C-alpha atoms as a PDB file:
ATOM      1  CA  MET A   1       4.533 -19.125 -16.208  1.00  0.00           C
ATOM      2  CA  MET A   2       1.963 -18.356 -13.597  1.00  0.00           C
ATOM      3  CA  ILE A   3       2.351 -14.804 -12.183  1.00  0.00           C
ATOM      4  CA  LYS A   4       0.971 -14.277  -8.677  1.00  0.00           C
ATOM      5  CA  ALA A   5      -0.224 -10.834  -7.513  1.00  0.00           C
ATOM      6  CA  LEU A   6      -1.928  -9.343  -4.592  1.00  0.00           C
ATOM      7  CA  VAL A   7      -3.879  -6.408  -5.035  1.00  0.00           C
ATOM      8  CA  TRP A   8      -5.279  -4.996  -1.663  1.00  0.00           C
ATOM      9  CA  ASN A   9      -7.287  -1.787  -0.988  1.00  0.00           C
ATOM     10  CA  ILE A  10      -5.676  -1.454   2.392  1.00  0.00           C
ATOM     11  CA  ARG A  11      -6.944   1.797   3.288  1.00  0.00           C
ATOM     12  CA  SER A  12      -4.082   2.526   5.451  1.00  0.00           C
ATOM     13  CA  VAL A  13      -0.499   1.062   5.975  1.00  0.00           C
ATOM     14  CA  ASN A  14      -0.277   2.834   9.496  1.00  0.00           C
ATOM     15  CA  THR A  15      -2.057   0.036  11.208  1.00  0.00           C
ATOM     16  CA  GLU A  16       0.511  -2.490  12.317  1.00  0.00           C
ATOM     17  CA  ASP A  17      -1.919  -5.432  11.927  1.00  0.00           C
ATOM     18  CA  ASP A  18      -2.981  -4.679   8.392  1.00  0.00           C
ATOM     19  CA  PHE A  19       0.635  -4.419   6.929  1.00  0.00           C
ATOM     20  CA  GLN A  20       1.871  -7.387   9.023  1.00  0.00           C
ATOM     21  CA  ARG A  21      -1.150  -9.476   7.166  1.00  0.00           C
ATOM     22  CA  VAL A  22       0.453  -8.198   3.785  1.00  0.00           C
ATOM     23  CA  ILE A  23       3.919  -9.212   4.903  1.00  0.00           C
ATOM     24  CA  ASN A  24       2.476 -12.708   6.041  1.00  0.00           C
ATOM     25  CA  ARG A  25       0.668 -13.307   2.739  1.00  0.00           C
ATOM     26  CA  GLN A  26       3.850 -12.319   0.663  1.00  0.00           C
ATOM     27  CA  ARG A  27       5.705 -14.839   2.696  1.00  0.00           C
ATOM     28  CA  GLU A  28       3.210 -17.451   2.451  1.00  0.00           C
ATOM     29  CA  HIS A  29       2.606 -17.001  -1.369  1.00  0.00           C
ATOM     30  CA  GLY A  30       5.643 -15.234  -2.903  1.00  0.00           C
ATOM     31  CA  PHE A  31       3.643 -12.810  -5.069  1.00  0.00           C
ATOM     32  CA  PHE A  32       5.418 -11.488  -8.095  1.00  0.00           C
ATOM     33  CA  VAL A  33       3.694  -7.941  -7.344  1.00  0.00           C
ATOM     34  CA  VAL A  34       1.946  -6.538  -4.584  1.00  0.00           C
ATOM     35  CA  ALA A  35      -0.258  -3.547  -5.064  1.00  0.00           C
ATOM     36  CA  LEU A  36      -1.557  -1.548  -2.224  1.00  0.00           C
ATOM     37  CA  MET A  37      -4.370   0.952  -2.801  1.00  0.00           C
ATOM     38  CA  GLU A  38      -4.884   3.884  -0.563  1.00  0.00           C
ATOM     39  CA  PRO A  39      -2.098   3.340   1.737  1.00  0.00           C
ATOM     40  CA  PHE A  40      -2.667   6.656   3.444  1.00  0.00           C
ATOM     41  CA  LYS A  41       0.813   7.381   3.908  1.00  0.00           C
ATOM     42  CA  ASN A  42       3.092   9.860   2.222  1.00  0.00           C
ATOM     43  CA  SER A  43       5.165   7.925  -0.684  1.00  0.00           C
ATOM     44  CA  ARG A  44       8.284   9.171   0.683  1.00  0.00           C
ATOM     45  CA  TYR A  45       8.003   6.139   3.192  1.00  0.00           C
ATOM     46  CA  ILE A  46       7.519   3.493   0.360  1.00  0.00           C
ATOM     47  CA  GLN A  47      11.102   2.355   0.640  1.00  0.00           C
ATOM     48  CA  ARG A  48      10.540   1.686   4.606  1.00  0.00           C
ATOM     49  CA  TYR A  49       7.544  -0.385   3.696  1.00  0.00           C
ATOM     50  CA  ARG A  50       9.460  -2.110   0.837  1.00  0.00           C
ATOM     51  CA  ARG A  51      12.267  -3.369   3.127  1.00  0.00           C
ATOM     52  CA  ARG A  52       9.725  -4.674   5.575  1.00  0.00           C
ATOM     53  CA  LEU A  53       8.145  -6.599   2.813  1.00  0.00           C
ATOM     54  CA  GLY A  54      11.456  -7.758   1.487  1.00  0.00           C
ATOM     55  CA  THR A  55      11.038  -6.722  -2.046  1.00  0.00           C
ATOM     56  CA  GLU A  56      13.512  -5.479  -4.515  1.00  0.00           C
ATOM     57  CA  ALA A  57      11.664  -2.562  -5.800  1.00  0.00           C
ATOM     58  CA  ALA A  58       8.885  -0.297  -4.992  1.00  0.00           C
ATOM     59  CA  LEU A  59       6.970   2.444  -7.060  1.00  0.00           C
ATOM     60  CA  ALA A  60       4.094   4.712  -6.274  1.00  0.00           C
ATOM     61  CA  ASN A  61       1.714   6.543  -8.575  1.00  0.00           C
ATOM     62  CA  ILE A  62       1.602  10.392  -8.970  1.00  0.00           C
ATOM     63  CA  ASN A  63      -0.466  11.057  -6.002  1.00  0.00           C
ATOM     64  CA  GLY A  64       0.738   8.120  -3.913  1.00  0.00           C
ATOM     65  CA  LYS A  65      -2.538   6.322  -3.693  1.00  0.00           C
ATOM     66  CA  ILE A  66      -1.275   3.110  -5.396  1.00  0.00           C
ATOM     67  CA  TRP A  67       1.944   1.478  -4.242  1.00  0.00           C
ATOM     68  CA  LEU A  68       3.577  -1.404  -6.240  1.00  0.00           C
ATOM     69  CA  PHE A  69       6.119  -3.735  -4.688  1.00  0.00           C
ATOM     70  CA  PHE A  70       8.007  -6.369  -6.776  1.00  0.00           C
ATOM     71  CA  ASN A  71      11.043  -8.691  -6.642  1.00  0.00           C
ATOM     72  CA  THR A  72      12.302  -9.174 -10.214  1.00  0.00           C
ATOM     73  CA  TYR A  73      13.430  -7.115 -12.929  1.00  0.00           C
ATOM     74  CA  MET A  74      10.268  -5.876 -15.232  1.00  0.00           C
ATOM     75  CA  VAL A  75      10.087  -3.753 -18.145  1.00  0.00           C
ATOM     76  CA  TRP A  76       7.427  -1.253 -17.525  1.00  0.00           C
ATOM     77  CA  GLU A  77       5.891   1.283 -19.920  1.00  0.00           C
ATOM     78  CA  LEU A  78       3.858   4.063 -18.234  1.00  0.00           C
ATOM     79  CA  VAL A  79       0.931   4.494 -20.303  1.00  0.00           C
ATOM     80  CA  MET A  80      -0.996   7.244 -18.184  1.00  0.00           C
ATOM     81  CA  ASP A  81      -0.621   8.430 -14.674  1.00  0.00           C
ATOM     82  CA  THR A  82      -3.541  10.374 -13.291  1.00  0.00           C
ATOM     83  CA  ASP A  83      -5.215  11.014  -9.920  1.00  0.00           C
ATOM     84  CA  GLN A  84      -7.665   8.278 -10.528  1.00  0.00           C
END
């Protein structure tokens, strides 16, 4: 089974063009996981972006600098969560 992932240092989800490119790539490729680094947006908004991306789930790390979006049920084990 091949798993597709998009990992992007987006450096802001506030710009419509950048997040629209993420949406377009997701529609085109159907990634299993989309990881956005440095979204520069409070993680309380992650569900709004999850809905726009059309995924079933979203998670953010402790400081909100990494956002994960995914569509299928996965078993996760958090090993460590640091600022870096």
